[in-house]
Amino acid sequence: MSTEIENLTAADFKKLVKTHGLRSEKMIEACRLVFVEGETRRAASIAAGVDYASLHRTIRKLQGLCPHCGQPLPREAEG
């Protein structure tokens, strides 16, 4: 089951990465290829040299979904 990826601008993607605290440059590049460039997860994982499953889980997390079951994650209380 594949979820639709909503394309982001480069600026919005940078904000998303900062919000989630991603540190791996390779994973950030793979996610950028998916979210900004519209690449498939498979092509992005190969191009950036990251594990496909790890990329898939990271994308789900960035989308606000559980990386394992795909259900929406509860929102954290702000404040």
PDB file of N, CA and C in Angstrom:
ATOM      1  N   MET A   1       0.841  -1.185   0.000  1.00  0.00           N
ATOM      2  CA  MET A   1       0.000   0.000   0.000  1.00  0.00           C
ATOM      3  C   MET A   1       0.879   1.238   0.000  1.00  0.00           C
ATOM      4  N   SER A   2       0.740   2.075  -0.994  1.00  0.00           N
ATOM      5  CA  SER A   2       1.538   3.280  -1.118  1.00  0.00           C
ATOM      6  C   SER A   2       0.667   4.495  -0.865  1.00  0.00           C
ATOM      7  N   THR A   3       1.176   5.413  -0.069  1.00  0.00           N
ATOM      8  CA  THR A   3       0.436   6.631   0.192  1.00  0.00           C
ATOM      9  C   THR A   3       0.919   7.712  -0.756  1.00  0.00           C
ATOM     10  N   GLU A   4       0.015   8.580  -1.142  1.00  0.00           N
ATOM     11  CA  GLU A   4       0.334   9.668  -2.048  1.00  0.00           C
ATOM     12  C   GLU A   4       1.253  10.660  -1.351  1.00  0.00           C
ATOM     13  N   ILE A   5       2.280  11.093  -2.053  1.00  0.00           N
ATOM     14  CA  ILE A   5       3.233  12.065  -1.520  1.00  0.00           C
ATOM     15  C   ILE A   5       2.851  13.437  -2.061  1.00  0.00           C
ATOM     16  N   GLU A   6       2.639  14.374  -1.149  1.00  0.00           N
ATOM     17  CA  GLU A   6       2.333  15.743  -1.552  1.00  0.00           C
ATOM     18  C   GLU A   6       3.647  16.474  -1.778  1.00  0.00           C
ATOM     19  N   ASN A   7       3.820  17.026  -2.981  1.00  0.00           N
ATOM     20  CA  ASN A   7       5.059  17.750  -3.280  1.00  0.00           C
ATOM     21  C   ASN A   7       5.139  19.017  -2.450  1.00  0.00           C
ATOM     22  N   LEU A   8       6.352  19.335  -2.026  1.00  0.00           N
ATOM     23  CA  LEU A   8       6.609  20.517  -1.224  1.00  0.00           C
ATOM     24  C   LEU A   8       7.584  21.429  -1.950  1.00  0.00           C
ATOM     25  N   THR A   9       7.562  22.709  -1.584  1.00  0.00           N
ATOM     26  CA  THR A   9       8.599  23.615  -2.075  1.00  0.00           C
ATOM     27  C   THR A   9       9.868  23.313  -1.291  1.00  0.00           C
ATOM     28  N   ALA A  10      11.003  23.761  -1.814  1.00  0.00           N
ATOM     29  CA  ALA A  10      12.277  23.544  -1.122  1.00  0.00           C
ATOM     30  C   ALA A  10      12.254  24.179   0.265  1.00  0.00           C
ATOM     31  N   ALA A  11      11.649  25.358   0.391  1.00  0.00           N
ATOM     32  CA  ALA A  11      11.585  26.049   1.684  1.00  0.00           C
ATOM     33  C   ALA A  11      10.720  25.275   2.671  1.00  0.00           C
ATOM     34  N   ASP A  12       9.571  24.792   2.219  1.00  0.00           N
ATOM     35  CA  ASP A  12       8.693  24.010   3.099  1.00  0.00           C
ATOM     36  C   ASP A  12       9.373  22.714   3.527  1.00  0.00           C
ATOM     37  N   PHE A  13      10.121  22.104   2.607  1.00  0.00           N
ATOM     38  CA  PHE A  13      10.829  20.876   2.942  1.00  0.00           C
ATOM     39  C   PHE A  13      11.876  21.133   4.019  1.00  0.00           C
ATOM     40  N   LYS A  14      12.622  22.228   3.904  1.00  0.00           N
ATOM     41  CA  LYS A  14      13.633  22.564   4.913  1.00  0.00           C
ATOM     42  C   LYS A  14      12.989  22.737   6.286  1.00  0.00           C
ATOM     43  N   LYS A  15      11.821  23.375   6.333  1.00  0.00           N
ATOM     44  CA  LYS A  15      11.103  23.550   7.601  1.00  0.00           C
ATOM     45  C   LYS A  15      10.697  22.194   8.176  1.00  0.00           C
ATOM     46  N   LEU A  16      10.205  21.301   7.314  1.00  0.00           N
ATOM     47  CA  LEU A  16       9.779  19.972   7.744  1.00  0.00           C
ATOM     48  C   LEU A  16      10.951  19.188   8.325  1.00  0.00           C
ATOM     49  N   VAL A  17      12.101  19.246   7.659  1.00  0.00           N
ATOM     50  CA  VAL A  17      13.297  18.547   8.133  1.00  0.00           C
ATOM     51  C   VAL A  17      13.721  19.094   9.490  1.00  0.00           C
ATOM     52  N   LYS A  18      13.707  20.411   9.617  1.00  0.00           N
ATOM     53  CA  LYS A  18      14.107  21.047  10.879  1.00  0.00           C
ATOM     54  C   LYS A  18      13.143  20.664  12.003  1.00  0.00           C
ATOM     55  N   THR A  19      11.856  20.661  11.713  1.00  0.00           N
ATOM     56  CA  THR A  19      10.836  20.307  12.707  1.00  0.00           C
ATOM     57  C   THR A  19      11.046  18.894  13.227  1.00  0.00           C
ATOM     58  N   HIS A  20      11.393  17.975  12.342  1.00  0.00           N
ATOM     59  CA  HIS A  20      11.551  16.570  12.727  1.00  0.00           C
ATOM     60  C   HIS A  20      12.968  16.226  13.166  1.00  0.00           C
ATOM     61  N   GLY A  21      13.890  17.166  13.027  1.00  0.00           N
ATOM     62  CA  GLY A  21      15.248  16.954  13.507  1.00  0.00           C
ATOM     63  C   GLY A  21      16.044  15.901  12.758  1.00  0.00           C
ATOM     64  N   LEU A  22      15.795  15.763  11.459  1.00  0.00           N
ATOM     65  CA  LEU A  22      16.580  14.800  10.674  1.00  0.00           C
ATOM     66  C   LEU A  22      18.025  15.271  10.606  1.00  0.00           C
ATOM     67  N   ARG A  23      18.967  14.336  10.779  1.00  0.00           N
ATOM     68  CA  ARG A  23      20.388  14.696  10.784  1.00  0.00           C
ATOM     69  C   ARG A  23      21.181  14.055   9.657  1.00  0.00           C
ATOM     70  N   SER A  24      20.759  12.904   9.195  1.00  0.00           N
ATOM     71  CA  SER A  24      21.506  12.190   8.158  1.00  0.00           C
ATOM     72  C   SER A  24      21.380  12.923   6.824  1.00  0.00           C
ATOM     73  N   GLU A  25      22.523  13.386   6.314  1.00  0.00           N
ATOM     74  CA  GLU A  25      22.513  14.110   5.044  1.00  0.00           C
ATOM     75  C   GLU A  25      21.990  13.230   3.905  1.00  0.00           C
ATOM     76  N   LYS A  26      22.345  11.943   3.921  1.00  0.00           N
ATOM     77  CA  LYS A  26      21.867  11.028   2.880  1.00  0.00           C
ATOM     78  C   LYS A  26      20.347  10.862   2.953  1.00  0.00           C
ATOM     79  N   MET A  27      19.817  10.724   4.167  1.00  0.00           N
ATOM     80  CA  MET A  27      18.371  10.554   4.311  1.00  0.00           C
ATOM     81  C   MET A  27      17.635  11.841   3.943  1.00  0.00           C
ATOM     82  N   ILE A  28      18.198  12.975   4.322  1.00  0.00           N
ATOM     83  CA  ILE A  28      17.585  14.252   3.954  1.00  0.00           C
ATOM     84  C   ILE A  28      17.544  14.389   2.435  1.00  0.00           C
ATOM     85  N   GLU A  29      18.634  14.030   1.765  1.00  0.00           N
ATOM     86  CA  GLU A  29      18.674  14.106   0.306  1.00  0.00           C
ATOM     87  C   GLU A  29      17.652  13.160  -0.324  1.00  0.00           C
ATOM     88  N   ALA A  30      17.546  11.949   0.201  1.00  0.00           N
ATOM     89  CA  ALA A  30      16.568  10.990  -0.333  1.00  0.00           C
ATOM     90  C   ALA A  30      15.147  11.530  -0.150  1.00  0.00           C
ATOM     91  N   CYS A  31      14.860  12.077   1.025  1.00  0.00           N
ATOM     92  CA  CYS A  31      13.528  12.644   1.279  1.00  0.00           C
ATOM     93  C   CYS A  31      13.270  13.846   0.376  1.00  0.00           C
ATOM     94  N   ARG A  32      14.300  14.668   0.164  1.00  0.00           N
ATOM     95  CA  ARG A  32      14.149  15.822  -0.723  1.00  0.00           C
ATOM     96  C   ARG A  32      13.795  15.364  -2.142  1.00  0.00           C
ATOM     97  N   LEU A  33      14.464  14.302  -2.597  1.00  0.00           N
ATOM     98  CA  LEU A  33      14.165  13.777  -3.929  1.00  0.00           C
ATOM     99  C   LEU A  33      12.707  13.351  -4.044  1.00  0.00           C
ATOM    100  N   VAL A  34      12.165  12.796  -2.974  1.00  0.00           N
ATOM    101  CA  VAL A  34      10.775  12.337  -2.990  1.00  0.00           C
ATOM    102  C   VAL A  34       9.805  13.514  -2.873  1.00  0.00           C
ATOM    103  N   PHE A  35       9.992  14.354  -1.848  1.00  0.00           N
ATOM    104  CA  PHE A  35       9.033  15.421  -1.563  1.00  0.00           C
ATOM    105  C   PHE A  35       9.125  16.613  -2.519  1.00  0.00           C
ATOM    106  N   VAL A  36      10.332  16.987  -2.928  1.00  0.00           N
ATOM    107  CA  VAL A  36      10.503  18.188  -3.754  1.00  0.00           C
ATOM    108  C   VAL A  36      10.588  17.838  -5.237  1.00  0.00           C
ATOM    109  N   GLU A  37      11.364  16.805  -5.556  1.00  0.00           N
ATOM    110  CA  GLU A  37      11.593  16.458  -6.962  1.00  0.00           C
ATOM    111  C   GLU A  37      10.563  15.488  -7.527  1.00  0.00           C
ATOM    112  N   GLY A  38       9.798  14.823  -6.662  1.00  0.00           N
ATOM    113  CA  GLY A  38       8.768  13.906  -7.131  1.00  0.00           C
ATOM    114  C   GLY A  38       9.280  12.531  -7.533  1.00  0.00           C
ATOM    115  N   GLU A  39      10.492  12.180  -7.093  1.00  0.00           N
ATOM    116  CA  GLU A  39      11.042  10.851  -7.393  1.00  0.00           C
ATOM    117  C   GLU A  39      10.287   9.778  -6.616  1.00  0.00           C
ATOM    118  N   THR A  40      10.373   8.551  -7.092  1.00  0.00           N
ATOM    119  CA  THR A  40       9.802   7.438  -6.336  1.00  0.00           C
ATOM    120  C   THR A  40      10.712   7.137  -5.155  1.00  0.00           C
ATOM    121  N   ARG A  41      10.160   6.470  -4.157  1.00  0.00           N
ATOM    122  CA  ARG A  41      10.968   6.088  -2.995  1.00  0.00           C
ATOM    123  C   ARG A  41      12.125   5.194  -3.408  1.00  0.00           C
ATOM    124  N   ARG A  42      11.850   4.262  -4.296  1.00  0.00           N
ATOM    125  CA  ARG A  42      12.877   3.318  -4.746  1.00  0.00           C
ATOM    126  C   ARG A  42      14.020   4.066  -5.440  1.00  0.00           C
ATOM    127  N   ALA A  43      13.689   4.940  -6.386  1.00  0.00           N
ATOM    128  CA  ALA A  43      14.720   5.694  -7.112  1.00  0.00           C
ATOM    129  C   ALA A  43      15.499   6.606  -6.171  1.00  0.00           C
ATOM    130  N   ALA A  44      14.814   7.235  -5.231  1.00  0.00           N
ATOM    131  CA  ALA A  44      15.484   8.133  -4.286  1.00  0.00           C
ATOM    132  C   ALA A  44      16.425   7.363  -3.365  1.00  0.00           C
ATOM    133  N   SER A  45      16.010   6.177  -2.920  1.00  0.00           N
ATOM    134  CA  SER A  45      16.866   5.397  -2.028  1.00  0.00           C
ATOM    135  C   SER A  45      18.144   4.973  -2.748  1.00  0.00           C
ATOM    136  N   ILE A  46      18.024   4.617  -4.010  1.00  0.00           N
ATOM    137  CA  ILE A  46      19.198   4.231  -4.792  1.00  0.00           C
ATOM    138  C   ILE A  46      20.094   5.444  -5.041  1.00  0.00           C
ATOM    139  N   ALA A  47      19.500   6.560  -5.453  1.00  0.00           N
ATOM    140  CA  ALA A  47      20.279   7.761  -5.777  1.00  0.00           C
ATOM    141  C   ALA A  47      21.029   8.306  -4.563  1.00  0.00           C
ATOM    142  N   ALA A  48      20.396   8.263  -3.396  1.00  0.00           N
ATOM    143  CA  ALA A  48      21.016   8.827  -2.191  1.00  0.00           C
ATOM    144  C   ALA A  48      21.831   7.794  -1.418  1.00  0.00           C
ATOM    145  N   GLY A  49      21.703   6.531  -1.775  1.00  0.00           N
ATOM    146  CA  GLY A  49      22.468   5.482  -1.100  1.00  0.00           C
ATOM    147  C   GLY A  49      21.964   5.153   0.292  1.00  0.00           C
ATOM    148  N   VAL A  50      20.624   5.145   0.444  1.00  0.00           N
ATOM    149  CA  VAL A  50      20.040   4.792   1.745  1.00  0.00           C
ATOM    150  C   VAL A  50      19.167   3.560   1.591  1.00  0.00           C
ATOM    151  N   ASP A  51      18.910   2.899   2.696  1.00  0.00           N
ATOM    152  CA  ASP A  51      18.060   1.717   2.725  1.00  0.00           C
ATOM    153  C   ASP A  51      16.621   2.109   2.394  1.00  0.00           C
ATOM    154  N   TYR A  52      16.003   1.371   1.479  1.00  0.00           N
ATOM    155  CA  TYR A  52      14.630   1.674   1.057  1.00  0.00           C
ATOM    156  C   TYR A  52      13.657   1.661   2.229  1.00  0.00           C
ATOM    157  N   ALA A  53      13.744   0.641   3.080  1.00  0.00           N
ATOM    158  CA  ALA A  53      12.808   0.527   4.203  1.00  0.00           C
ATOM    159  C   ALA A  53      12.959   1.705   5.174  1.00  0.00           C
ATOM    160  N   SER A  54      14.205   2.106   5.405  1.00  0.00           N
ATOM    161  CA  SER A  54      14.441   3.248   6.292  1.00  0.00           C
ATOM    162  C   SER A  54      13.870   4.527   5.691  1.00  0.00           C
ATOM    163  N   LEU A  55      14.032   4.696   4.389  1.00  0.00           N
ATOM    164  CA  LEU A  55      13.466   5.860   3.713  1.00  0.00           C
ATOM    165  C   LEU A  55      11.949   5.843   3.803  1.00  0.00           C
ATOM    166  N   HIS A  56      11.353   4.686   3.563  1.00  0.00           N
ATOM    167  CA  HIS A  56       9.895   4.552   3.630  1.00  0.00           C
ATOM    168  C   HIS A  56       9.379   4.956   5.016  1.00  0.00           C
ATOM    169  N   ARG A  57      10.026   4.465   6.073  1.00  0.00           N
ATOM    170  CA  ARG A  57       9.612   4.805   7.442  1.00  0.00           C
ATOM    171  C   ARG A  57       9.796   6.297   7.721  1.00  0.00           C
ATOM    172  N   THR A  58      10.893   6.865   7.246  1.00  0.00           N
ATOM    173  CA  THR A  58      11.151   8.286   7.472  1.00  0.00           C
ATOM    174  C   THR A  58      10.110   9.141   6.761  1.00  0.00           C
ATOM    175  N   ILE A  59       9.748   8.777   5.555  1.00  0.00           N
ATOM    176  CA  ILE A  59       8.728   9.524   4.814  1.00  0.00           C
ATOM    177  C   ILE A  59       7.391   9.458   5.541  1.00  0.00           C
ATOM    178  N   ARG A  60       7.036   8.287   6.025  1.00  0.00           N
ATOM    179  CA  ARG A  60       5.774   8.170   6.775  1.00  0.00           C
ATOM    180  C   ARG A  60       5.789   9.072   8.005  1.00  0.00           C
ATOM    181  N   LYS A  61       6.925   9.089   8.703  1.00  0.00           N
ATOM    182  CA  LYS A  61       7.042   9.930   9.893  1.00  0.00           C
ATOM    183  C   LYS A  61       6.901  11.405   9.508  1.00  0.00           C
ATOM    184  N   LEU A  62       7.536  11.807   8.427  1.00  0.00           N
ATOM    185  CA  LEU A  62       7.441  13.196   7.979  1.00  0.00           C
ATOM    186  C   LEU A  62       6.023  13.559   7.552  1.00  0.00           C
ATOM    187  N   GLN A  63       5.270  12.576   7.085  1.00  0.00           N
ATOM    188  CA  GLN A  63       3.879  12.802   6.685  1.00  0.00           C
ATOM    189  C   GLN A  63       2.936  12.815   7.891  1.00  0.00           C
ATOM    190  N   GLY A  64       3.471  12.555   9.090  1.00  0.00           N
ATOM    191  CA  GLY A  64       2.617  12.523  10.274  1.00  0.00           C
ATOM    192  C   GLY A  64       1.935  11.181  10.472  1.00  0.00           C
ATOM    193  N   LEU A  65       2.510  10.119   9.884  1.00  0.00           N
ATOM    194  CA  LEU A  65       1.938   8.781   9.988  1.00  0.00           C
ATOM    195  C   LEU A  65       2.875   7.877  10.777  1.00  0.00           C
ATOM    196  N   CYS A  66       2.321   6.874  11.416  1.00  0.00           N
ATOM    197  CA  CYS A  66       3.137   5.894  12.113  1.00  0.00           C
ATOM    198  C   CYS A  66       4.021   5.197  11.078  1.00  0.00           C
ATOM    199  N   PRO A  67       5.341   5.128  11.323  1.00  0.00           N
ATOM    200  CA  PRO A  67       6.215   4.494  10.349  1.00  0.00           C
ATOM    201  C   PRO A  67       5.972   3.000  10.179  1.00  0.00           C
ATOM    202  N   HIS A  68       5.257   2.389  11.093  1.00  0.00           N
ATOM    203  CA  HIS A  68       5.048   0.941  11.047  1.00  0.00           C
ATOM    204  C   HIS A  68       3.666   0.557  10.526  1.00  0.00           C
ATOM    205  N   CYS A  69       2.617   1.208  11.047  1.00  0.00           N
ATOM    206  CA  CYS A  69       1.262   0.786  10.655  1.00  0.00           C
ATOM    207  C   CYS A  69       0.573   1.759   9.705  1.00  0.00           C
ATOM    208  N   GLY A  70       1.111   2.987   9.580  1.00  0.00           N
ATOM    209  CA  GLY A  70       0.536   3.950   8.653  1.00  0.00           C
ATOM    210  C   GLY A  70      -0.619   4.764   9.202  1.00  0.00           C
ATOM    211  N   GLN A  71      -0.987   4.535  10.460  1.00  0.00           N
ATOM    212  CA  GLN A  71      -2.076   5.307  11.064  1.00  0.00           C
ATOM    213  C   GLN A  71      -1.570   6.702  11.438  1.00  0.00           C
ATOM    214  N   PRO A  72      -2.454   7.714  11.428  1.00  0.00           N
ATOM    215  CA  PRO A  72      -2.025   9.061  11.811  1.00  0.00           C
ATOM    216  C   PRO A  72      -1.480   9.078  13.245  1.00  0.00           C
ATOM    217  N   LEU A  73      -0.383   9.799  13.415  1.00  0.00           N
ATOM    218  CA  LEU A  73       0.194   9.941  14.743  1.00  0.00           C
ATOM    219  C   LEU A  73      -0.578  11.003  15.525  1.00  0.00           C
ATOM    220  N   PRO A  74      -0.719  10.794  16.841  1.00  0.00           N
ATOM    221  CA  PRO A  74      -1.402  11.819  17.635  1.00  0.00           C
ATOM    222  C   PRO A  74      -0.565  13.091  17.651  1.00  0.00           C
ATOM    223  N   ARG A  75      -1.227  14.224  17.602  1.00  0.00           N
ATOM    224  CA  ARG A  75      -0.532  15.505  17.646  1.00  0.00           C
ATOM    225  C   ARG A  75       0.011  15.739  19.041  1.00  0.00           C
ATOM    226  N   GLU A  76       1.253  16.251  19.093  1.00  0.00           N
ATOM    227  CA  GLU A  76       1.845  16.578  20.392  1.00  0.00           C
ATOM    228  C   GLU A  76       1.264  17.910  20.851  1.00  0.00           C
ATOM    229  N   ALA A  77       1.092  18.032  22.144  1.00  0.00           N
ATOM    230  CA  ALA A  77       0.560  19.270  22.710  1.00  0.00           C
ATOM    231  C   ALA A  77       1.579  20.381  22.508  1.00  0.00           C
ATOM    232  N   GLU A  78       1.102  21.505  21.998  1.00  0.00           N
ATOM    233  CA  GLU A  78       1.988  22.644  21.790  1.00  0.00           C
ATOM    234  C   GLU A  78       1.905  23.562  22.998  1.00  0.00           C
ATOM    235  N   GLY A  79       3.026  24.211  23.266  1.00  0.00           N
ATOM    236  CA  GLY A  79       2.957  25.167  24.358  1.00  0.00           C
ATOM    237  C   GLY A  79       4.083  25.087  25.219  1.00  0.00           C
TER     238      GLY A  79
END
